[in-house]
Amino acid sequence: MTNEQINIAIAEACGHINVRMWGGSCIASAGISTDGIYWGSYGVPDYCNDLNAMHEAVRTLKSRERITYSDLLHQIAGYHSYDVSEATARQRAEAFLKTIGKWEGGPL
């Protein structure tokens, strides 16, 4: 998956609506009218490059999902110990999407 695809998928998983790329930025709509028309927009985090954003995304996982996430992060980051503190935001994003079954392109 490209960084743009990853950012959109995570933003949607975190509850942002009508997530899309606009120029070089990932944005979402602020709301939707009763007529089904999206209104307003705001930037969503760059999950692939922002550790703080990934921390917030991981907080949306349920307890059991966090265990899966941790296991996947160890595999992706290539760590054989319990210390994954140096895992990149991109690695965390991949583990997050694999945890929730939204990863495209490549085996789990």
Protein backbone atom coordinates (compact mmCIF):
# COMPACT_ATOMS: atom_id res chain seq x y z
CA MET A 1 0.00 0.00 0.00
CA THR A 2 1.12 3.54 -0.64
CA ASN A 3 1.40 6.02 2.20
CA GLU A 4 -1.68 7.79 0.85
CA GLN A 5 -3.70 4.56 0.84
CA ILE A 6 -2.52 3.78 4.36
CA ASN A 7 -3.40 7.24 5.67
CA ILE A 8 -6.88 7.05 4.15
CA ALA A 9 -7.55 3.54 5.51
CA ILE A 10 -6.44 4.45 9.03
CA ALA A 11 -8.38 7.73 9.00
CA GLU A 12 -11.53 5.83 7.98
CA ALA A 13 -10.91 3.21 10.68
CA CYS A 14 -10.60 6.02 13.23
CA GLY A 15 -14.00 7.41 12.25
CA HIS A 16 -13.17 10.22 9.82
CA ILE A 17 -15.70 10.53 6.99
CA ASN A 18 -15.28 11.06 3.25
CA VAL A 19 -11.51 10.72 3.54
CA ARG A 20 -9.63 11.56 0.37
CA MET A 21 -6.47 13.07 -1.02
CA TRP A 22 -6.57 16.74 -1.98
CA GLY A 23 -3.38 18.00 -3.50
CA GLY A 24 -0.66 16.46 -1.37
CA SER A 25 -2.77 16.26 1.78
CA CYS A 26 -5.21 13.78 3.20
CA ILE A 27 -8.47 15.45 4.22
CA ALA A 28 -11.86 14.44 5.60
CA SER A 29 -15.28 16.06 5.64
CA ALA A 30 -16.45 17.74 8.81
CA GLY A 31 -19.99 16.39 8.46
CA ILE A 32 -22.80 15.26 6.23
CA SER A 33 -26.16 16.96 5.79
CA THR A 34 -29.51 15.21 5.98
CA ASP A 35 -29.50 15.38 2.15
CA GLY A 36 -26.28 13.35 2.07
CA ILE A 37 -24.05 16.25 1.12
CA TYR A 38 -20.62 16.41 2.73
CA TRP A 39 -19.62 19.79 4.13
CA GLY A 40 -16.45 21.34 5.48
CA SER A 41 -13.06 19.71 5.49
CA TYR A 42 -10.01 19.34 7.70
CA GLY A 43 -6.65 17.65 7.45
CA VAL A 44 -6.20 14.19 8.91
CA PRO A 45 -2.90 13.01 10.41
CA ASP A 46 -0.06 11.63 8.34
CA TYR A 47 -0.12 8.26 10.08
CA CYS A 48 2.84 6.94 8.08
CA ASN A 49 5.15 9.62 9.43
CA ASP A 50 3.68 10.66 12.77
CA LEU A 51 4.28 8.49 15.84
CA ASN A 52 1.80 10.55 17.88
CA ALA A 53 -0.92 9.97 15.30
CA MET A 54 -0.23 6.23 15.35
CA HIS A 55 -0.39 6.24 19.14
CA GLU A 56 -3.86 7.75 18.93
CA ALA A 57 -4.92 5.24 16.25
CA VAL A 58 -3.74 2.28 18.31
CA ARG A 59 -5.79 3.58 21.25
CA THR A 60 -8.91 2.79 19.18
CA LEU A 61 -8.09 -0.94 19.20
CA LYS A 62 -9.83 -3.31 21.58
CA SER A 63 -7.76 -5.25 24.13
CA ARG A 64 -7.53 -8.42 22.04
CA GLU A 65 -6.69 -6.42 18.94
CA ARG A 66 -3.81 -4.77 20.79
CA ILE A 67 -2.27 -8.18 21.41
CA THR A 68 -2.52 -8.99 17.72
CA TYR A 69 -1.14 -5.55 16.87
CA SER A 70 1.84 -6.09 19.15
CA ASP A 71 2.60 -9.50 17.65
CA LEU A 72 2.36 -8.11 14.12
CA LEU A 73 4.51 -5.12 14.95
CA HIS A 74 7.24 -7.42 16.23
CA GLN A 75 7.12 -9.38 12.97
CA ILE A 76 7.06 -6.31 10.73
CA ALA A 77 9.78 -4.43 12.60
CA GLY A 78 11.92 -7.57 12.79
CA TYR A 79 12.42 -7.42 16.53
CA HIS A 80 12.82 -10.61 18.45
CA SER A 81 12.67 -8.97 21.84
CA TYR A 82 9.82 -7.19 23.52
CA ASP A 83 11.23 -3.75 22.69
CA VAL A 84 9.59 -2.24 19.63
CA SER A 85 10.09 1.33 20.80
CA GLU A 86 12.14 2.10 17.69
CA ALA A 87 9.48 0.87 15.25
CA THR A 88 8.67 3.55 12.70
CA ALA A 89 5.27 5.14 12.25
CA ARG A 90 5.04 3.37 8.86
CA GLN A 91 5.69 -0.02 10.51
CA ARG A 92 3.08 0.73 13.16
CA ALA A 93 0.59 1.78 10.47
CA GLU A 94 1.08 -1.51 8.63
CA ALA A 95 0.62 -3.53 11.82
CA PHE A 96 -2.51 -1.51 12.64
CA LEU A 97 -4.13 -2.16 9.26
CA LYS A 98 -3.21 -5.84 9.33
CA THR A 99 -4.75 -6.08 12.81
CA ILE A 100 -8.10 -4.73 11.61
CA GLY A 101 -8.01 -6.66 8.32
CA LYS A 102 -7.64 -3.59 6.09
CA TRP A 103 -4.12 -4.21 4.76
CA GLU A 104 -4.00 -4.62 0.99
CA GLY A 105 -1.12 -6.10 -0.94
CA GLY A 106 0.98 -8.66 0.78
CA PRO A 107 0.43 -11.51 3.19
CA LEU A 108 -0.26 -11.02 6.88
